[in-house]
Amino acid sequence: MNAEIEKEIISETIEENGKRKISCAAAFRVASKLNLTVKEIGEFLQTHNIKIVSCQLGCFK
């Protein structure tokens, strides 16, 4: 994943109390926008300690 894509993903996250998070819906939206799989987004977020919140389907744990 290149730096521009990583920057785009990070821009979709919210920082709260020094921790980053992203809603499940936003994760799906950014995956579609960047032509990435949900798995790729999930792996990136996990690697960068970004928590997925409000998960509709239990895809992200």
PDB file of N, CA and C in Angstrom:
ATOM      1  N   MET A   1       0.857  -1.168   0.000  1.00  0.00           N
ATOM      2  CA  MET A   1       0.000   0.000   0.000  1.00  0.00           C
ATOM      3  C   MET A   1       0.906   1.234   0.000  1.00  0.00           C
ATOM      4  N   ASN A   2       0.608   2.156  -0.900  1.00  0.00           N
ATOM      5  CA  ASN A   2       1.477   3.331  -0.977  1.00  0.00           C
ATOM      6  C   ASN A   2       1.074   4.408   0.033  1.00  0.00           C
ATOM      7  N   ALA A   3       1.946   5.373   0.214  1.00  0.00           N
ATOM      8  CA  ALA A   3       1.765   6.414   1.230  1.00  0.00           C
ATOM      9  C   ALA A   3       0.518   7.252   0.979  1.00  0.00           C
ATOM     10  N   GLU A   4       0.182   7.491  -0.271  1.00  0.00           N
ATOM     11  CA  GLU A   4      -1.001   8.287  -0.600  1.00  0.00           C
ATOM     12  C   GLU A   4      -2.283   7.566  -0.160  1.00  0.00           C
ATOM     13  N   ILE A   5      -2.350   6.271  -0.391  1.00  0.00           N
ATOM     14  CA  ILE A   5      -3.508   5.482   0.029  1.00  0.00           C
ATOM     15  C   ILE A   5      -3.582   5.452   1.552  1.00  0.00           C
ATOM     16  N   GLU A   6      -2.455   5.255   2.199  1.00  0.00           N
ATOM     17  CA  GLU A   6      -2.434   5.246   3.665  1.00  0.00           C
ATOM     18  C   GLU A   6      -2.910   6.584   4.222  1.00  0.00           C
ATOM     19  N   LYS A   7      -2.488   7.672   3.622  1.00  0.00           N
ATOM     20  CA  LYS A   7      -2.903   9.009   4.053  1.00  0.00           C
ATOM     21  C   LYS A   7      -4.414   9.173   3.891  1.00  0.00           C
ATOM     22  N   GLU A   8      -4.957   8.669   2.801  1.00  0.00           N
ATOM     23  CA  GLU A   8      -6.397   8.752   2.547  1.00  0.00           C
ATOM     24  C   GLU A   8      -7.186   7.967   3.592  1.00  0.00           C
ATOM     25  N   ILE A   9      -6.705   6.780   3.934  1.00  0.00           N
ATOM     26  CA  ILE A   9      -7.377   5.968   4.956  1.00  0.00           C
ATOM     27  C   ILE A   9      -7.353   6.698   6.295  1.00  0.00           C
ATOM     28  N   ILE A  10      -6.188   7.192   6.679  1.00  0.00           N
ATOM     29  CA  ILE A  10      -6.044   7.905   7.950  1.00  0.00           C
ATOM     30  C   ILE A  10      -6.966   9.126   7.996  1.00  0.00           C
ATOM     31  N   SER A  11      -7.138   9.794   6.859  1.00  0.00           N
ATOM     32  CA  SER A  11      -7.988  10.990   6.832  1.00  0.00           C
ATOM     33  C   SER A  11      -9.450  10.664   7.132  1.00  0.00           C
ATOM     34  N   GLU A  12      -9.840   9.418   6.971  1.00  0.00           N
ATOM     35  CA  GLU A  12     -11.216   8.995   7.251  1.00  0.00           C
ATOM     36  C   GLU A  12     -11.431   8.613   8.718  1.00  0.00           C
ATOM     37  N   THR A  13     -10.360   8.584   9.486  1.00  0.00           N
ATOM     38  CA  THR A  13     -10.462   8.195  10.894  1.00  0.00           C
ATOM     39  C   THR A  13     -10.698   9.420  11.770  1.00  0.00           C
ATOM     40  N   ILE A  14     -11.109   9.154  12.991  1.00  0.00           N
ATOM     41  CA  ILE A  14     -11.354  10.200  13.977  1.00  0.00           C
ATOM     42  C   ILE A  14     -10.430   9.951  15.156  1.00  0.00           C
ATOM     43  N   GLU A  15      -9.797  11.010  15.647  1.00  0.00           N
ATOM     44  CA  GLU A  15      -8.967  10.865  16.842  1.00  0.00           C
ATOM     45  C   GLU A  15      -9.765  11.300  18.060  1.00  0.00           C
ATOM     46  N   GLU A  16      -9.778  10.438  19.052  1.00  0.00           N
ATOM     47  CA  GLU A  16     -10.495  10.724  20.291  1.00  0.00           C
ATOM     48  C   GLU A  16      -9.685  10.186  21.456  1.00  0.00           C
ATOM     49  N   ASN A  17      -9.378  11.047  22.403  1.00  0.00           N
ATOM     50  CA  ASN A  17      -8.580  10.666  23.571  1.00  0.00           C
ATOM     51  C   ASN A  17      -7.244  10.033  23.181  1.00  0.00           C
ATOM     52  N   GLY A  18      -6.631  10.568  22.144  1.00  0.00           N
ATOM     53  CA  GLY A  18      -5.327  10.085  21.707  1.00  0.00           C
ATOM     54  C   GLY A  18      -5.344   8.783  20.938  1.00  0.00           C
ATOM     55  N   LYS A  19      -6.538   8.275  20.623  1.00  0.00           N
ATOM     56  CA  LYS A  19      -6.657   7.017  19.866  1.00  0.00           C
ATOM     57  C   LYS A  19      -7.477   7.269  18.612  1.00  0.00           C
ATOM     58  N   ARG A  20      -7.147   6.546  17.563  1.00  0.00           N
ATOM     59  CA  ARG A  20      -7.864   6.690  16.300  1.00  0.00           C
ATOM     60  C   ARG A  20      -8.928   5.617  16.183  1.00  0.00           C
ATOM     61  N   LYS A  21     -10.053   5.997  15.520  1.00  0.00           N
ATOM     62  CA  LYS A  21     -11.119   5.042  15.268  1.00  0.00           C
ATOM     63  C   LYS A  21     -11.800   5.402  13.957  1.00  0.00           C
ATOM     64  N   ILE A  22     -12.547   4.446  13.433  1.00  0.00           N
ATOM     65  CA  ILE A  22     -13.293   4.634  12.192  1.00  0.00           C
ATOM     66  C   ILE A  22     -14.548   3.780  12.291  1.00  0.00           C
ATOM     67  N   SER A  23     -15.638   4.280  11.757  1.00  0.00           N
ATOM     68  CA  SER A  23     -16.861   3.478  11.783  1.00  0.00           C
ATOM     69  C   SER A  23     -16.768   2.389  10.714  1.00  0.00           C
ATOM     70  N   CYS A  24     -17.502   1.346  10.929  1.00  0.00           N
ATOM     71  CA  CYS A  24     -17.544   0.249   9.973  1.00  0.00           C
ATOM     72  C   CYS A  24     -17.984   0.758   8.594  1.00  0.00           C
ATOM     73  N   ALA A  25     -19.034   1.577   8.586  1.00  0.00           N
ATOM     74  CA  ALA A  25     -19.540   2.119   7.322  1.00  0.00           C
ATOM     75  C   ALA A  25     -18.466   2.922   6.592  1.00  0.00           C
ATOM     76  N   ALA A  26     -17.704   3.708   7.335  1.00  0.00           N
ATOM     77  CA  ALA A  26     -16.625   4.496   6.726  1.00  0.00           C
ATOM     78  C   ALA A  26     -15.528   3.593   6.185  1.00  0.00           C
ATOM     79  N   ALA A  27     -15.230   2.501   6.887  1.00  0.00           N
ATOM     80  CA  ALA A  27     -14.213   1.549   6.412  1.00  0.00           C
ATOM     81  C   ALA A  27     -14.642   0.924   5.088  1.00  0.00           C
ATOM     82  N   PHE A  28     -15.915   0.537   4.990  1.00  0.00           N
ATOM     83  CA  PHE A  28     -16.427  -0.012   3.731  1.00  0.00           C
ATOM     84  C   PHE A  28     -16.377   1.042   2.626  1.00  0.00           C
ATOM     85  N   ARG A  29     -16.758   2.271   2.960  1.00  0.00           N
ATOM     86  CA  ARG A  29     -16.781   3.354   1.979  1.00  0.00           C
ATOM     87  C   ARG A  29     -15.377   3.647   1.443  1.00  0.00           C
ATOM     88  N   VAL A  30     -14.402   3.737   2.338  1.00  0.00           N
ATOM     89  CA  VAL A  30     -13.034   4.034   1.901  1.00  0.00           C
ATOM     90  C   VAL A  30     -12.453   2.861   1.108  1.00  0.00           C
ATOM     91  N   ALA A  31     -12.800   1.645   1.463  1.00  0.00           N
ATOM     92  CA  ALA A  31     -12.343   0.481   0.692  1.00  0.00           C
ATOM     93  C   ALA A  31     -12.851   0.574  -0.745  1.00  0.00           C
ATOM     94  N   SER A  32     -14.118   0.894  -0.894  1.00  0.00           N
ATOM     95  CA  SER A  32     -14.706   1.021  -2.232  1.00  0.00           C
ATOM     96  C   SER A  32     -14.068   2.178  -2.999  1.00  0.00           C
ATOM     97  N   LYS A  33     -13.929   3.304  -2.331  1.00  0.00           N
ATOM     98  CA  LYS A  33     -13.356   4.508  -2.955  1.00  0.00           C
ATOM     99  C   LYS A  33     -11.941   4.264  -3.459  1.00  0.00           C
ATOM    100  N   LEU A  34     -11.156   3.511  -2.686  1.00  0.00           N
ATOM    101  CA  LEU A  34      -9.753   3.281  -3.035  1.00  0.00           C
ATOM    102  C   LEU A  34      -9.526   1.967  -3.785  1.00  0.00           C
ATOM    103  N   ASN A  35     -10.634   1.289  -4.111  1.00  0.00           N
ATOM    104  CA  ASN A  35     -10.564   0.018  -4.834  1.00  0.00           C
ATOM    105  C   ASN A  35      -9.727  -1.025  -4.074  1.00  0.00           C
ATOM    106  N   LEU A  36      -9.966  -1.094  -2.765  1.00  0.00           N
ATOM    107  CA  LEU A  36      -9.299  -2.058  -1.901  1.00  0.00           C
ATOM    108  C   LEU A  36     -10.343  -3.033  -1.360  1.00  0.00           C
ATOM    109  N   THR A  37      -9.886  -4.180  -0.916  1.00  0.00           N
ATOM    110  CA  THR A  37     -10.814  -5.112  -0.293  1.00  0.00           C
ATOM    111  C   THR A  37     -11.033  -4.704   1.161  1.00  0.00           C
ATOM    112  N   VAL A  38     -12.133  -5.157   1.716  1.00  0.00           N
ATOM    113  CA  VAL A  38     -12.410  -4.897   3.126  1.00  0.00           C
ATOM    114  C   VAL A  38     -11.311  -5.524   3.988  1.00  0.00           C
ATOM    115  N   LYS A  39     -10.815  -6.665   3.557  1.00  0.00           N
ATOM    116  CA  LYS A  39      -9.737  -7.333   4.286  1.00  0.00           C
ATOM    117  C   LYS A  39      -8.486  -6.452   4.313  1.00  0.00           C
ATOM    118  N   GLU A  40      -8.144  -5.848   3.187  1.00  0.00           N
ATOM    119  CA  GLU A  40      -6.964  -4.974   3.140  1.00  0.00           C
ATOM    120  C   GLU A  40      -7.121  -3.783   4.084  1.00  0.00           C
ATOM    121  N   ILE A  41      -8.310  -3.188   4.095  1.00  0.00           N
ATOM    122  CA  ILE A  41      -8.563  -2.066   4.999  1.00  0.00           C
ATOM    123  C   ILE A  41      -8.446  -2.542   6.444  1.00  0.00           C
ATOM    124  N   GLY A  42      -9.079  -3.675   6.756  1.00  0.00           N
ATOM    125  CA  GLY A  42      -9.031  -4.218   8.113  1.00  0.00           C
ATOM    126  C   GLY A  42      -7.618  -4.492   8.583  1.00  0.00           C
ATOM    127  N   GLU A  43      -6.796  -5.060   7.712  1.00  0.00           N
ATOM    128  CA  GLU A  43      -5.405  -5.347   8.067  1.00  0.00           C
ATOM    129  C   GLU A  43      -4.624  -4.058   8.310  1.00  0.00           C
ATOM    130  N   PHE A  44      -4.848  -3.063   7.467  1.00  0.00           N
ATOM    131  CA  PHE A  44      -4.176  -1.776   7.652  1.00  0.00           C
ATOM    132  C   PHE A  44      -4.563  -1.161   8.988  1.00  0.00           C
ATOM    133  N   LEU A  45      -5.860  -1.148   9.269  1.00  0.00           N
ATOM    134  CA  LEU A  45      -6.339  -0.549  10.510  1.00  0.00           C
ATOM    135  C   LEU A  45      -5.794  -1.285  11.721  1.00  0.00           C
ATOM    136  N   GLN A  46      -5.766  -2.598  11.660  1.00  0.00           N
ATOM    137  CA  GLN A  46      -5.246  -3.387  12.775  1.00  0.00           C
ATOM    138  C   GLN A  46      -3.761  -3.108  12.980  1.00  0.00           C
ATOM    139  N   THR A  47      -3.014  -3.060  11.904  1.00  0.00           N
ATOM    140  CA  THR A  47      -1.577  -2.794  11.972  1.00  0.00           C
ATOM    141  C   THR A  47      -1.287  -1.422  12.587  1.00  0.00           C
ATOM    142  N   HIS A  48      -2.182  -0.475  12.335  1.00  0.00           N
ATOM    143  CA  HIS A  48      -1.982   0.890  12.822  1.00  0.00           C
ATOM    144  C   HIS A  48      -2.785   1.186  14.094  1.00  0.00           C
ATOM    145  N   ASN A  49      -3.282   0.130  14.735  1.00  0.00           N
ATOM    146  CA  ASN A  49      -4.019   0.260  16.003  1.00  0.00           C
ATOM    147  C   ASN A  49      -5.188   1.229  15.909  1.00  0.00           C
ATOM    148  N   ILE A  50      -5.904   1.170  14.796  1.00  0.00           N
ATOM    149  CA  ILE A  50      -7.100   1.989  14.609  1.00  0.00           C
ATOM    150  C   ILE A  50      -8.305   1.086  14.834  1.00  0.00           C
ATOM    151  N   LYS A  51      -9.127   1.462  15.793  1.00  0.00           N
ATOM    152  CA  LYS A  51     -10.275   0.648  16.184  1.00  0.00           C
ATOM    153  C   LYS A  51     -11.459   0.899  15.250  1.00  0.00           C
ATOM    154  N   ILE A  52     -12.132  -0.178  14.862  1.00  0.00           N
ATOM    155  CA  ILE A  52     -13.348  -0.076  14.065  1.00  0.00           C
ATOM    156  C   ILE A  52     -14.528  -0.118  15.019  1.00  0.00           C
ATOM    157  N   VAL A  53     -15.399   0.889  14.909  1.00  0.00           N
ATOM    158  CA  VAL A  53     -16.550   1.003  15.798  1.00  0.00           C
ATOM    159  C   VAL A  53     -17.837   0.922  14.988  1.00  0.00           C
ATOM    160  N   SER A  54     -18.928   0.659  15.682  1.00  0.00           N
ATOM    161  CA  SER A  54     -20.254   0.593  15.063  1.00  0.00           C
ATOM    162  C   SER A  54     -20.303  -0.400  13.908  1.00  0.00           C
ATOM    163  N   CYS A  55     -19.741  -1.582  14.124  1.00  0.00           N
ATOM    164  CA  CYS A  55     -19.693  -2.588  13.067  1.00  0.00           C
ATOM    165  C   CYS A  55     -21.066  -3.232  12.911  1.00  0.00           C
ATOM    166  N   GLN A  56     -21.575  -3.181  11.684  1.00  0.00           N
ATOM    167  CA  GLN A  56     -22.905  -3.677  11.394  1.00  0.00           C
ATOM    168  C   GLN A  56     -22.977  -5.194  11.260  1.00  0.00           C
ATOM    169  N   LEU A  57     -21.965  -5.803  10.719  1.00  0.00           N
ATOM    170  CA  LEU A  57     -22.035  -7.216  10.377  1.00  0.00           C
ATOM    171  C   LEU A  57     -21.069  -8.105  11.138  1.00  0.00           C
ATOM    172  N   GLY A  58     -20.256  -7.526  11.986  1.00  0.00           N
ATOM    173  CA  GLY A  58     -19.271  -8.314  12.696  1.00  0.00           C
ATOM    174  C   GLY A  58     -18.080  -8.703  11.832  1.00  0.00           C
ATOM    175  N   CYS A  59     -17.877  -7.971  10.731  1.00  0.00           N
ATOM    176  CA  CYS A  59     -16.758  -8.278   9.829  1.00  0.00           C
ATOM    177  C   CYS A  59     -15.419  -7.951  10.470  1.00  0.00           C
ATOM    178  N   PHE A  60     -15.417  -6.943  11.330  1.00  0.00           N
ATOM    179  CA  PHE A  60     -14.194  -6.499  11.957  1.00  0.00           C
ATOM    180  C   PHE A  60     -14.263  -6.824  13.449  1.00  0.00           C
ATOM    181  N   LYS A  61     -13.226  -7.377  13.961  1.00  0.00           N
ATOM    182  CA  LYS A  61     -13.171  -7.716  15.400  1.00  0.00           C
ATOM    183  C   LYS A  61     -11.934  -7.094  15.998  1.00  0.00           C
TER     184      LYS A  61
END
